[in-house]
């Protein structure tokens, strides 16, 4: 009986710890500030409308239609603007300045994007990286704009 009780307590403790880690991994990293036309966020296979105030998580894919655009602000005050026909994934976002944990990595598969750096780009510019189908962009300044399309078929 005592052994069973110990195992039950251990399982409950592990469950609580796992739930806490999952919640930390699902921490809000930013929000949609503006949304025009068709715009969506895909999270875990589920597509939701990207409306003003939509919370964003690491791994979210932001997409805009032919008439769509999105304005996003991240927790470090970085701002992103996506134009029509864009597809963008937030792959990594670390923002714990007190612990020295800073990083932003994202991928623009197609479309247009403008970026204005927040604290991560100012405190640790080497920790900011954007990828496109044909190039990687390391941030050394405070802002840039990029346009990419589908790779040409050969």
Protein backbone atom coordinates (compact mmCIF):
# COMPACT_ATOMS: atom_id res chain seq x y z
CA UNK A 1 0.00 0.00 0.00
CA UNK A 2 2.81 2.38 0.94
CA UNK A 3 4.61 1.60 -2.33
CA UNK A 4 1.44 2.28 -4.36
CA UNK A 5 0.98 5.62 -2.63
CA UNK A 6 4.59 6.59 -3.37
CA UNK A 7 4.17 5.69 -7.06
CA UNK A 8 0.92 7.68 -7.25
CA UNK A 9 2.59 10.74 -5.70
CA UNK A 10 5.52 10.41 -8.13
CA UNK A 11 3.17 10.19 -11.13
CA UNK A 12 1.18 13.25 -10.01
CA UNK A 13 4.42 15.21 -9.48
CA UNK A 14 5.71 14.26 -12.95
CA UNK A 15 2.37 15.21 -14.48
CA UNK A 16 2.45 18.64 -12.83
CA UNK A 17 6.06 19.22 -13.94
CA UNK A 18 5.29 18.17 -17.51
CA UNK A 19 2.24 20.45 -17.63
CA UNK A 20 4.37 23.35 -16.37
CA UNK A 21 7.00 22.71 -19.05
CA UNK A 22 4.34 22.54 -21.75
CA UNK A 23 2.89 25.86 -20.59
CA UNK A 24 6.33 27.47 -20.66
CA UNK A 25 6.92 26.14 -24.17
CA UNK A 26 3.58 27.66 -25.23
CA UNK A 27 4.40 31.11 -23.89
CA UNK A 28 2.96 34.01 -25.87
CA UNK A 29 5.75 35.62 -27.90
CA UNK A 30 3.75 38.40 -29.53
CA UNK A 31 0.41 39.53 -30.91
CA UNK A 32 -1.20 40.48 -34.17
CA UNK A 33 -1.50 44.29 -34.11
CA UNK A 34 -3.19 44.80 -37.47
CA UNK A 35 -4.85 42.50 -39.95
CA UNK A 36 -6.28 43.32 -43.36
CA UNK A 37 -7.92 41.03 -45.91
CA UNK A 38 -7.36 37.28 -45.65
CA UNK A 39 -4.79 36.42 -42.97
CA UNK A 40 -4.40 33.25 -40.90
CA UNK A 41 -2.30 31.66 -38.18
CA UNK A 42 -1.67 27.92 -38.41
CA UNK A 43 -0.90 26.30 -35.06
CA UNK A 44 -0.59 22.55 -34.63
CA UNK A 45 -2.42 21.89 -37.88
CA UNK A 46 -5.33 24.15 -36.94
CA UNK A 47 -5.94 27.28 -39.04
CA UNK A 48 -7.36 30.28 -37.18
CA UNK A 49 -8.12 33.78 -38.45
CA UNK A 50 -5.33 36.27 -37.70
CA UNK A 51 -7.31 39.03 -36.07
CA UNK A 52 -6.14 41.99 -34.04
CA UNK A 53 -5.11 40.72 -30.61
CA UNK A 54 -4.41 37.12 -31.71
CA UNK A 55 -1.64 35.76 -29.48
CA UNK A 56 1.34 34.19 -31.25
CA UNK A 57 3.44 31.20 -30.18
CA UNK A 58 6.73 29.72 -31.37
CA UNK A 59 6.03 27.50 -34.37
CA UNK A 60 3.07 29.52 -35.62
CA UNK A 61 2.82 29.99 -39.39
CA UNK A 62 1.41 33.33 -40.49
CA UNK A 63 -0.13 33.49 -43.97
CA UNK A 64 -1.71 36.28 -45.96
CA UNK A 65 -3.91 36.01 -49.04
CA UNK A 66 -3.76 38.11 -52.21
CA UNK A 67 -5.47 41.02 -50.41
CA UNK A 68 -3.95 40.34 -46.99
CA UNK A 69 -1.44 42.04 -44.72
CA UNK A 70 -0.41 41.61 -41.09
CA UNK A 71 1.32 43.76 -38.51
CA UNK A 72 2.91 41.89 -35.59
CA UNK A 73 4.62 43.07 -32.43
CA UNK A 74 6.80 40.65 -30.47
CA UNK A 75 7.48 40.72 -26.73
CA UNK A 76 10.85 42.43 -27.21
CA UNK A 77 9.09 45.21 -29.19
CA UNK A 78 10.29 43.94 -32.58
CA UNK A 79 7.75 44.70 -35.29
CA UNK A 80 7.04 42.70 -38.43
CA UNK A 81 4.87 43.62 -41.37
CA UNK A 82 3.79 40.98 -43.88
CA UNK A 83 2.44 41.88 -47.30
CA UNK A 84 0.09 39.99 -49.64
CA UNK A 85 0.68 36.31 -50.48
CA UNK A 86 3.18 35.83 -47.64
CA UNK A 87 4.06 32.76 -45.58
CA UNK A 88 6.14 33.26 -42.42
CA UNK A 89 7.10 30.92 -39.55
CA UNK A 90 8.43 31.95 -36.15
CA UNK A 91 10.91 29.14 -35.47
CA UNK A 92 12.58 30.37 -32.28
CA UNK A 93 11.99 33.21 -29.84
CA UNK A 94 13.94 33.62 -26.60
CA UNK A 95 13.52 36.77 -24.55
CA UNK A 96 14.87 36.59 -21.00
CA UNK A 97 17.33 39.50 -20.80
CA UNK A 98 17.99 38.96 -17.07
CA UNK A 99 19.16 35.42 -17.85
CA UNK A 100 21.02 36.44 -21.02
CA UNK A 101 18.70 34.31 -23.18
CA UNK A 102 17.99 36.21 -26.38
CA UNK A 103 17.21 34.88 -29.83
CA UNK A 104 14.89 35.19 -32.81
CA UNK A 105 14.83 32.89 -35.81
CA UNK A 106 12.15 32.98 -38.47
CA UNK A 107 11.57 31.89 -42.07
CA UNK A 108 9.84 33.81 -44.85
CA UNK A 109 8.93 31.17 -47.45
CA UNK A 110 7.29 33.62 -49.83
CA UNK A 111 5.95 37.14 -49.98
CA UNK A 112 7.17 40.39 -48.48
CA UNK A 113 8.21 41.35 -44.98
CA UNK A 114 9.57 44.40 -43.19
CA UNK A 115 11.31 44.09 -39.82
CA UNK A 116 12.18 46.70 -37.20
CA UNK A 117 14.33 45.28 -34.41
CA UNK A 118 13.38 45.36 -30.78
CA UNK A 119 15.55 44.63 -27.77
CA UNK A 120 16.88 41.29 -29.04
CA UNK A 121 18.25 42.97 -32.18
CA UNK A 122 19.77 45.78 -30.12
CA UNK A 123 21.21 43.69 -27.25
CA UNK A 124 22.31 40.62 -29.23
CA UNK A 125 22.11 41.27 -32.99
CA UNK A 126 24.05 38.06 -33.68
CA UNK A 127 21.08 36.17 -32.18
CA UNK A 128 18.62 37.37 -34.84
CA UNK A 129 18.31 35.40 -38.06
CA UNK A 130 15.77 35.31 -40.87
CA UNK A 131 15.77 32.68 -43.60
CA UNK A 132 14.31 32.73 -47.10
CA UNK A 133 14.33 29.94 -49.72
CA UNK A 134 17.59 31.26 -51.16
CA UNK A 135 19.36 33.24 -48.43
CA UNK A 136 19.80 33.86 -44.71
CA UNK A 137 19.66 37.33 -43.23
CA UNK A 138 21.63 38.16 -40.13
CA UNK A 139 20.57 41.39 -38.47
CA UNK A 140 23.34 43.88 -37.80
CA UNK A 141 21.26 47.03 -38.07
CA UNK A 142 17.83 47.98 -36.89
CA UNK A 143 15.57 47.31 -39.87
CA UNK A 144 15.26 45.70 -43.30
CA UNK A 145 12.69 44.69 -45.88
CA UNK A 146 12.75 41.54 -48.01
CA UNK A 147 10.73 40.05 -50.86
CA UNK A 148 10.91 36.44 -51.90
CA UNK A 149 8.99 34.21 -54.25
CA UNK A 150 8.75 30.56 -55.03
CA UNK A 151 12.03 29.11 -56.31
CA UNK A 152 12.09 28.86 -60.10
CA UNK A 153 11.58 25.32 -61.41
CA UNK A 154 14.50 23.94 -63.40
